[in-house]
Amino acid sequence: MKILYFAWLRQRTGTPSETIELPDGVTTVAGLMAHLGERHPGFAEAVGAKGIVRCAVNQRHVDRDHPVANGDEVAFFPPVTGG
């Protein structure tokens, strides 16, 4: 599984991307976020506030209850603002 971190999440994790094997029992975006939070405490802090961090699975915006599987590309990013 390829994980991508955008904007200030890169600083929180210390990396723009990583490749991981999905751990047993992790089946949703929320579970993946919890797992990644154990690996990257700064990420855990960032995703602790609901609605702050958005997610896309295979380039489609999804909710935290969306299923994930090995082979997926999962991207995390803060909300986009514009003017």
PDB file of N, CA and C in Angstrom:
ATOM      1  N   MET A   1       0.839  -1.157   0.000  1.00  0.00           N
ATOM      2  CA  MET A   1       0.000   0.000   0.000  1.00  0.00           C
ATOM      3  C   MET A   1       0.894   1.233   0.000  1.00  0.00           C
ATOM      4  N   LYS A   2       0.574   2.177  -0.875  1.00  0.00           N
ATOM      5  CA  LYS A   2       1.335   3.422  -0.942  1.00  0.00           C
ATOM      6  C   LYS A   2       0.569   4.497  -0.180  1.00  0.00           C
ATOM      7  N   ILE A   3       1.253   5.163   0.731  1.00  0.00           N
ATOM      8  CA  ILE A   3       0.678   6.242   1.529  1.00  0.00           C
ATOM      9  C   ILE A   3       1.336   7.541   1.099  1.00  0.00           C
ATOM     10  N   LEU A   4       0.526   8.554   0.821  1.00  0.00           N
ATOM     11  CA  LEU A   4       1.023   9.880   0.434  1.00  0.00           C
ATOM     12  C   LEU A   4       0.573  10.901   1.470  1.00  0.00           C
ATOM     13  N   TYR A   5       1.484  11.797   1.832  1.00  0.00           N
ATOM     14  CA  TYR A   5       1.178  12.867   2.789  1.00  0.00           C
ATOM     15  C   TYR A   5       1.397  14.206   2.097  1.00  0.00           C
ATOM     16  N   PHE A   6       0.415  15.087   2.177  1.00  0.00           N
ATOM     17  CA  PHE A   6       0.502  16.381   1.514  1.00  0.00           C
ATOM     18  C   PHE A   6       0.522  17.530   2.514  1.00  0.00           C
ATOM     19  N   ALA A   7       1.072  18.660   2.050  1.00  0.00           N
ATOM     20  CA  ALA A   7       1.123  19.918   2.802  1.00  0.00           C
ATOM     21  C   ALA A   7       1.791  19.703   4.160  1.00  0.00           C
ATOM     22  N   TRP A   8       1.207  20.253   5.221  1.00  0.00           N
ATOM     23  CA  TRP A   8       1.867  20.188   6.521  1.00  0.00           C
ATOM     24  C   TRP A   8       1.882  18.785   7.116  1.00  0.00           C
ATOM     25  N   LEU A   9       1.139  17.846   6.539  1.00  0.00           N
ATOM     26  CA  LEU A   9       1.220  16.462   7.030  1.00  0.00           C
ATOM     27  C   LEU A   9       2.587  15.852   6.725  1.00  0.00           C
ATOM     28  N   ARG A  10       3.247  16.352   5.686  1.00  0.00           N
ATOM     29  CA  ARG A  10       4.614  15.883   5.401  1.00  0.00           C
ATOM     30  C   ARG A  10       5.541  16.203   6.559  1.00  0.00           C
ATOM     31  N   GLN A  11       5.405  17.411   7.117  1.00  0.00           N
ATOM     32  CA  GLN A  11       6.248  17.774   8.261  1.00  0.00           C
ATOM     33  C   GLN A  11       5.892  16.943   9.490  1.00  0.00           C
ATOM     34  N   ARG A  12       4.613  16.676   9.673  1.00  0.00           N
ATOM     35  CA  ARG A  12       4.181  15.910  10.848  1.00  0.00           C
ATOM     36  C   ARG A  12       4.677  14.467  10.813  1.00  0.00           C
ATOM     37  N   THR A  13       4.806  13.897   9.614  1.00  0.00           N
ATOM     38  CA  THR A  13       5.258  12.508   9.497  1.00  0.00           C
ATOM     39  C   THR A  13       6.748  12.400   9.200  1.00  0.00           C
ATOM     40  N   GLY A  14       7.326  13.488   8.671  1.00  0.00           N
ATOM     41  CA  GLY A  14       8.731  13.470   8.308  1.00  0.00           C
ATOM     42  C   GLY A  14       9.005  12.826   6.959  1.00  0.00           C
ATOM     43  N   THR A  15       7.956  12.582   6.172  1.00  0.00           N
ATOM     44  CA  THR A  15       8.132  11.942   4.867  1.00  0.00           C
ATOM     45  C   THR A  15       6.981  12.338   3.937  1.00  0.00           C
ATOM     46  N   PRO A  16       7.251  12.441   2.640  1.00  0.00           N
ATOM     47  CA  PRO A  16       6.158  12.721   1.702  1.00  0.00           C
ATOM     48  C   PRO A  16       5.354  11.473   1.345  1.00  0.00           C
ATOM     49  N   SER A  17       5.973  10.285   1.508  1.00  0.00           N
ATOM     50  CA  SER A  17       5.282   9.044   1.163  1.00  0.00           C
ATOM     51  C   SER A  17       5.981   7.863   1.819  1.00  0.00           C
ATOM     52  N   GLU A  18       5.265   6.765   1.863  1.00  0.00           N
ATOM     53  CA  GLU A  18       5.841   5.509   2.347  1.00  0.00           C
ATOM     54  C   GLU A  18       5.032   4.352   1.779  1.00  0.00           C
ATOM     55  N   THR A  19       5.646   3.206   1.736  1.00  0.00           N
ATOM     56  CA  THR A  19       4.978   1.991   1.289  1.00  0.00           C
ATOM     57  C   THR A  19       4.934   1.031   2.467  1.00  0.00           C
ATOM     58  N   ILE A  20       3.732   0.530   2.767  1.00  0.00           N
ATOM     59  CA  ILE A  20       3.568  -0.366   3.910  1.00  0.00           C
ATOM     60  C   ILE A  20       2.725  -1.573   3.507  1.00  0.00           C
ATOM     61  N   GLU A  21       2.825  -2.626   4.288  1.00  0.00           N
ATOM     62  CA  GLU A  21       1.898  -3.748   4.215  1.00  0.00           C
ATOM     63  C   GLU A  21       0.766  -3.428   5.181  1.00  0.00           C
ATOM     64  N   LEU A  22      -0.440  -3.590   4.748  1.00  0.00           N
ATOM     65  CA  LEU A  22      -1.588  -3.331   5.604  1.00  0.00           C
ATOM     66  C   LEU A  22      -1.608  -4.356   6.741  1.00  0.00           C
ATOM     67  N   PRO A  23      -1.593  -3.887   7.996  1.00  0.00           N
ATOM     68  CA  PRO A  23      -1.589  -4.828   9.118  1.00  0.00           C
ATOM     69  C   PRO A  23      -2.900  -5.615   9.203  1.00  0.00           C
ATOM     70  N   ASP A  24      -2.826  -6.817   9.758  1.00  0.00           N
ATOM     71  CA  ASP A  24      -4.026  -7.617   9.996  1.00  0.00           C
ATOM     72  C   ASP A  24      -5.001  -6.814  10.847  1.00  0.00           C
ATOM     73  N   GLY A  25      -6.264  -6.880  10.494  1.00  0.00           N
ATOM     74  CA  GLY A  25      -7.294  -6.204  11.271  1.00  0.00           C
ATOM     75  C   GLY A  25      -7.578  -4.783  10.842  1.00  0.00           C
ATOM     76  N   VAL A  26      -6.722  -4.200  10.009  1.00  0.00           N
ATOM     77  CA  VAL A  26      -6.965  -2.843   9.517  1.00  0.00           C
ATOM     78  C   VAL A  26      -7.712  -2.962   8.200  1.00  0.00           C
ATOM     79  N   THR A  27      -8.964  -2.517   8.205  1.00  0.00           N
ATOM     80  CA  THR A  27      -9.813  -2.702   7.029  1.00  0.00           C
ATOM     81  C   THR A  27     -10.432  -1.413   6.507  1.00  0.00           C
ATOM     82  N   THR A  28     -10.295  -0.315   7.257  1.00  0.00           N
ATOM     83  CA  THR A  28     -10.900   0.956   6.862  1.00  0.00           C
ATOM     84  C   THR A  28      -9.875   2.083   6.944  1.00  0.00           C
ATOM     85  N   VAL A  29     -10.240   3.223   6.381  1.00  0.00           N
ATOM     86  CA  VAL A  29      -9.383   4.401   6.470  1.00  0.00           C
ATOM     87  C   VAL A  29      -9.153   4.759   7.936  1.00  0.00           C
ATOM     88  N   ALA A  30     -10.191   4.702   8.756  1.00  0.00           N
ATOM     89  CA  ALA A  30     -10.040   5.032  10.181  1.00  0.00           C
ATOM     90  C   ALA A  30      -9.027   4.110  10.857  1.00  0.00           C
ATOM     91  N   GLY A  31      -9.090   2.824  10.566  1.00  0.00           N
ATOM     92  CA  GLY A  31      -8.124   1.882  11.125  1.00  0.00           C
ATOM     93  C   GLY A  31      -6.719   2.163  10.640  1.00  0.00           C
ATOM     94  N   LEU A  32      -6.602   2.516   9.370  1.00  0.00           N
ATOM     95  CA  LEU A  32      -5.292   2.866   8.818  1.00  0.00           C
ATOM     96  C   LEU A  32      -4.752   4.118   9.487  1.00  0.00           C
ATOM     97  N   MET A  33      -5.619   5.094   9.703  1.00  0.00           N
ATOM     98  CA  MET A  33      -5.185   6.325  10.364  1.00  0.00           C
ATOM     99  C   MET A  33      -4.672   6.030  11.770  1.00  0.00           C
ATOM    100  N   ALA A  34      -5.352   5.160  12.490  1.00  0.00           N
ATOM    101  CA  ALA A  34      -4.909   4.790  13.834  1.00  0.00           C
ATOM    102  C   ALA A  34      -3.546   4.101  13.772  1.00  0.00           C
ATOM    103  N   HIS A  35      -3.375   3.191  12.818  1.00  0.00           N
ATOM    104  CA  HIS A  35      -2.095   2.497  12.658  1.00  0.00           C
ATOM    105  C   HIS A  35      -0.976   3.491  12.329  1.00  0.00           C
ATOM    106  N   LEU A  36      -1.235   4.395  11.405  1.00  0.00           N
ATOM    107  CA  LEU A  36      -0.213   5.380  11.032  1.00  0.00           C
ATOM    108  C   LEU A  36       0.086   6.332  12.184  1.00  0.00           C
ATOM    109  N   GLY A  37      -0.911   6.602  13.005  1.00  0.00           N
ATOM    110  CA  GLY A  37      -0.694   7.439  14.186  1.00  0.00           C
ATOM    111  C   GLY A  37       0.250   6.804  15.190  1.00  0.00           C
ATOM    112  N   GLU A  38       0.258   5.478  15.261  1.00  0.00           N
ATOM    113  CA  GLU A  38       1.207   4.780  16.133  1.00  0.00           C
ATOM    114  C   GLU A  38       2.626   4.917  15.592  1.00  0.00           C
ATOM    115  N   ARG A  39       2.763   4.964  14.278  1.00  0.00           N
ATOM    116  CA  ARG A  39       4.076   5.092  13.635  1.00  0.00           C
ATOM    117  C   ARG A  39       4.583   6.527  13.650  1.00  0.00           C
ATOM    118  N   HIS A  40       3.640   7.469  13.563  1.00  0.00           N
ATOM    119  CA  HIS A  40       3.981   8.893  13.460  1.00  0.00           C
ATOM    120  C   HIS A  40       3.128   9.682  14.460  1.00  0.00           C
ATOM    121  N   PRO A  41       3.641   9.949  15.661  1.00  0.00           N
ATOM    122  CA  PRO A  41       2.847  10.670  16.659  1.00  0.00           C
ATOM    123  C   PRO A  41       2.312  12.028  16.159  1.00  0.00           C
ATOM    124  N   GLY A  42       3.056  12.711  15.313  1.00  0.00           N
ATOM    125  CA  GLY A  42       2.573  13.983  14.771  1.00  0.00           C
ATOM    126  C   GLY A  42       1.349  13.796  13.891  1.00  0.00           C
ATOM    127  N   PHE A  43       1.278  12.673  13.200  1.00  0.00           N
ATOM    128  CA  PHE A  43       0.112  12.358  12.375  1.00  0.00           C
ATOM    129  C   PHE A  43      -1.082  12.081  13.289  1.00  0.00           C
ATOM    130  N   ALA A  44      -0.870  11.340  14.356  1.00  0.00           N
ATOM    131  CA  ALA A  44      -1.950  11.037  15.301  1.00  0.00           C
ATOM    132  C   ALA A  44      -2.554  12.319  15.836  1.00  0.00           C
ATOM    133  N   GLU A  45      -1.706  13.265  16.166  1.00  0.00           N
ATOM    134  CA  GLU A  45      -2.185  14.556  16.668  1.00  0.00           C
ATOM    135  C   GLU A  45      -3.007  15.283  15.607  1.00  0.00           C
ATOM    136  N   ALA A  46      -2.547  15.254  14.382  1.00  0.00           N
ATOM    137  CA  ALA A  46      -3.234  15.953  13.285  1.00  0.00           C
ATOM    138  C   ALA A  46      -4.595  15.340  12.984  1.00  0.00           C
ATOM    139  N   VAL A  47      -4.709  14.024  13.017  1.00  0.00           N
ATOM    140  CA  VAL A  47      -5.975  13.378  12.671  1.00  0.00           C
ATOM    141  C   VAL A  47      -6.913  13.266  13.860  1.00  0.00           C
ATOM    142  N   GLY A  48      -6.448  13.667  15.035  1.00  0.00           N
ATOM    143  CA  GLY A  48      -7.288  13.609  16.226  1.00  0.00           C
ATOM    144  C   GLY A  48      -8.500  14.512  16.141  1.00  0.00           C
ATOM    145  N   ALA A  49      -8.382  15.614  15.419  1.00  0.00           N
ATOM    146  CA  ALA A  49      -9.503  16.535  15.243  1.00  0.00           C
ATOM    147  C   ALA A  49     -10.258  16.133  13.980  1.00  0.00           C
ATOM    148  N   LYS A  50     -11.461  15.631  14.144  1.00  0.00           N
ATOM    149  CA  LYS A  50     -12.245  15.183  12.984  1.00  0.00           C
ATOM    150  C   LYS A  50     -12.459  16.328  12.003  1.00  0.00           C
ATOM    151  N   GLY A  51     -12.371  15.990  10.734  1.00  0.00           N
ATOM    152  CA  GLY A  51     -12.629  16.973   9.692  1.00  0.00           C
ATOM    153  C   GLY A  51     -11.423  17.763   9.250  1.00  0.00           C
ATOM    154  N   ILE A  52     -10.324  17.698  10.004  1.00  0.00           N
ATOM    155  CA  ILE A  52      -9.134  18.469   9.650  1.00  0.00           C
ATOM    156  C   ILE A  52      -8.374  17.793   8.514  1.00  0.00           C
ATOM    157  N   VAL A  53      -8.214  16.491   8.594  1.00  0.00           N
ATOM    158  CA  VAL A  53      -7.455  15.754   7.580  1.00  0.00           C
ATOM    159  C   VAL A  53      -8.425  15.015   6.666  1.00  0.00           C
ATOM    160  N   ARG A  54      -8.265  15.202   5.372  1.00  0.00           N
ATOM    161  CA  ARG A  54      -9.082  14.527   4.366  1.00  0.00           C
ATOM    162  C   ARG A  54      -8.307  13.334   3.814  1.00  0.00           C
ATOM    163  N   CYS A  55      -9.008  12.434   3.142  1.00  0.00           N
ATOM    164  CA  CYS A  55      -8.380  11.237   2.616  1.00  0.00           C
ATOM    165  C   CYS A  55      -8.921  10.915   1.231  1.00  0.00           C
ATOM    166  N   ALA A  56      -8.042  10.344   0.415  1.00  0.00           N
ATOM    167  CA  ALA A  56      -8.442   9.814  -0.885  1.00  0.00           C
ATOM    168  C   ALA A  56      -7.865   8.404  -1.005  1.00  0.00           C
ATOM    169  N   VAL A  57      -8.678   7.499  -1.511  1.00  0.00           N
ATOM    170  CA  VAL A  57      -8.229   6.130  -1.793  1.00  0.00           C
ATOM    171  C   VAL A  57      -8.314   5.953  -3.303  1.00  0.00           C
ATOM    172  N   ASN A  58      -7.173   5.628  -3.879  1.00  0.00           N
ATOM    173  CA  ASN A  58      -7.087   5.469  -5.337  1.00  0.00           C
ATOM    174  C   ASN A  58      -7.649   6.689  -6.067  1.00  0.00           C
ATOM    175  N   GLN A  59      -7.274   7.873  -5.544  1.00  0.00           N
ATOM    176  CA  GLN A  59      -7.581   9.179  -6.121  1.00  0.00           C
ATOM    177  C   GLN A  59      -9.062   9.549  -6.072  1.00  0.00           C
ATOM    178  N   ARG A  60      -9.801   8.947  -5.146  1.00  0.00           N
ATOM    179  CA  ARG A  60     -11.206   9.315  -4.909  1.00  0.00           C
ATOM    180  C   ARG A  60     -11.364   9.725  -3.454  1.00  0.00           C
ATOM    181  N   HIS A  61     -11.946  10.896  -3.217  1.00  0.00           N
ATOM    182  CA  HIS A  61     -12.204  11.351  -1.853  1.00  0.00           C
ATOM    183  C   HIS A  61     -13.157  10.370  -1.176  1.00  0.00           C
ATOM    184  N   VAL A  62     -12.814   9.988   0.048  1.00  0.00           N
ATOM    185  CA  VAL A  62     -13.623   9.006   0.776  1.00  0.00           C
ATOM    186  C   VAL A  62     -13.768   9.424   2.234  1.00  0.00           C
ATOM    187  N   ASP A  63     -14.728   8.804   2.919  1.00  0.00           N
ATOM    188  CA  ASP A  63     -14.912   8.994   4.355  1.00  0.00           C
ATOM    189  C   ASP A  63     -14.039   8.006   5.113  1.00  0.00           C
ATOM    190  N   ARG A  64     -13.972   8.204   6.423  1.00  0.00           N
ATOM    191  CA  ARG A  64     -13.106   7.358   7.246  1.00  0.00           C
ATOM    192  C   ARG A  64     -13.577   5.912   7.353  1.00  0.00           C
ATOM    193  N   ASP A  65     -14.827   5.632   7.013  1.00  0.00           N
ATOM    194  CA  ASP A  65     -15.311   4.251   7.084  1.00  0.00           C
ATOM    195  C   ASP A  65     -15.110   3.492   5.770  1.00  0.00           C
ATOM    196  N   HIS A  66     -14.463   4.131   4.800  1.00  0.00           N
ATOM    197  CA  HIS A  66     -14.216   3.498   3.502  1.00  0.00           C
ATOM    198  C   HIS A  66     -13.217   2.346   3.656  1.00  0.00           C
ATOM    199  N   PRO A  67     -13.454   1.209   2.988  1.00  0.00           N
ATOM    200  CA  PRO A  67     -12.516   0.080   3.087  1.00  0.00           C
ATOM    201  C   PRO A  67     -11.180   0.360   2.389  1.00  0.00           C
ATOM    202  N   VAL A  68     -10.131  -0.254   2.913  1.00  0.00           N
ATOM    203  CA  VAL A  68      -8.796  -0.180   2.304  1.00  0.00           C
ATOM    204  C   VAL A  68      -8.244  -1.591   2.160  1.00  0.00           C
ATOM    205  N   ALA A  69      -7.331  -1.755   1.190  1.00  0.00           N
ATOM    206  CA  ALA A  69      -6.720  -3.060   0.943  1.00  0.00           C
ATOM    207  C   ALA A  69      -5.290  -2.854   0.459  1.00  0.00           C
ATOM    208  N   ASN A  70      -4.463  -3.883   0.627  1.00  0.00           N
ATOM    209  CA  ASN A  70      -3.114  -3.823   0.069  1.00  0.00           C
ATOM    210  C   ASN A  70      -3.234  -3.546  -1.425  1.00  0.00           C
ATOM    211  N   GLY A  71      -2.344  -2.743  -1.940  1.00  0.00           N
ATOM    212  CA  GLY A  71      -2.387  -2.355  -3.345  1.00  0.00           C
ATOM    213  C   GLY A  71      -3.044  -1.004  -3.563  1.00  0.00           C
ATOM    214  N   ASP A  72      -3.783  -0.499  -2.566  1.00  0.00           N
ATOM    215  CA  ASP A  72      -4.402   0.815  -2.686  1.00  0.00           C
ATOM    216  C   ASP A  72      -3.353   1.916  -2.560  1.00  0.00           C
ATOM    217  N   GLU A  73      -3.665   3.059  -3.145  1.00  0.00           N
ATOM    218  CA  GLU A  73      -2.908   4.284  -2.904  1.00  0.00           C
ATOM    219  C   GLU A  73      -3.797   5.162  -2.024  1.00  0.00           C
ATOM    220  N   VAL A  74      -3.275   5.543  -0.867  1.00  0.00           N
ATOM    221  CA  VAL A  74      -4.044   6.326   0.084  1.00  0.00           C
ATOM    222  C   VAL A  74      -3.317   7.649   0.312  1.00  0.00           C
ATOM    223  N   ALA A  75      -4.032   8.744   0.126  1.00  0.00           N
ATOM    224  CA  ALA A  75      -3.449  10.080   0.288  1.00  0.00           C
ATOM    225  C   ALA A  75      -4.158  10.815   1.420  1.00  0.00           C
ATOM    226  N   PHE A  76      -3.369  11.484   2.237  1.00  0.00           N
ATOM    227  CA  PHE A  76      -3.893  12.299   3.335  1.00  0.00           C
ATOM    228  C   PHE A  76      -3.487  13.747   3.103  1.00  0.00           C
ATOM    229  N   PHE A  77      -4.439  14.659   3.307  1.00  0.00           N
ATOM    230  CA  PHE A  77      -4.168  16.069   3.056  1.00  0.00           C
ATOM    231  C   PHE A  77      -5.122  16.923   3.882  1.00  0.00           C
ATOM    232  N   PRO A  78      -4.692  18.158   4.180  1.00  0.00           N
ATOM    233  CA  PRO A  78      -5.580  19.072   4.894  1.00  0.00           C
ATOM    234  C   PRO A  78      -6.613  19.637   3.929  1.00  0.00           C
ATOM    235  N   PRO A  79      -7.683  20.218   4.478  1.00  0.00           N
ATOM    236  CA  PRO A  79      -8.677  20.829   3.592  1.00  0.00           C
ATOM    237  C   PRO A  79      -8.035  21.901   2.717  1.00  0.00           C
ATOM    238  N   VAL A  80      -8.531  22.036   1.534  1.00  0.00           N
ATOM    239  CA  VAL A  80      -8.017  23.034   0.604  1.00  0.00           C
ATOM    240  C   VAL A  80      -8.862  24.282   0.727  1.00  0.00           C
ATOM    241  N   THR A  81      -8.176  25.409   0.844  1.00  0.00           N
ATOM    242  CA  THR A  81      -8.897  26.679   0.858  1.00  0.00           C
ATOM    243  C   THR A  81      -8.492  27.485  -0.358  1.00  0.00           C
ATOM    244  N   GLY A  82      -9.326  28.350  -0.739  1.00  0.00           N
ATOM    245  CA  GLY A  82      -9.019  29.149  -1.919  1.00  0.00           C
ATOM    246  C   GLY A  82      -9.616  30.523  -1.808  1.00  0.00           C
ATOM    247  N   GLY A  83      -9.333  31.286  -2.787  1.00  0.00           N
ATOM    248  CA  GLY A  83      -9.867  32.638  -2.736  1.00  0.00           C
ATOM    249  C   GLY A  83     -10.078  33.165  -4.113  1.00  0.00           C
TER     250      GLY A  83
END
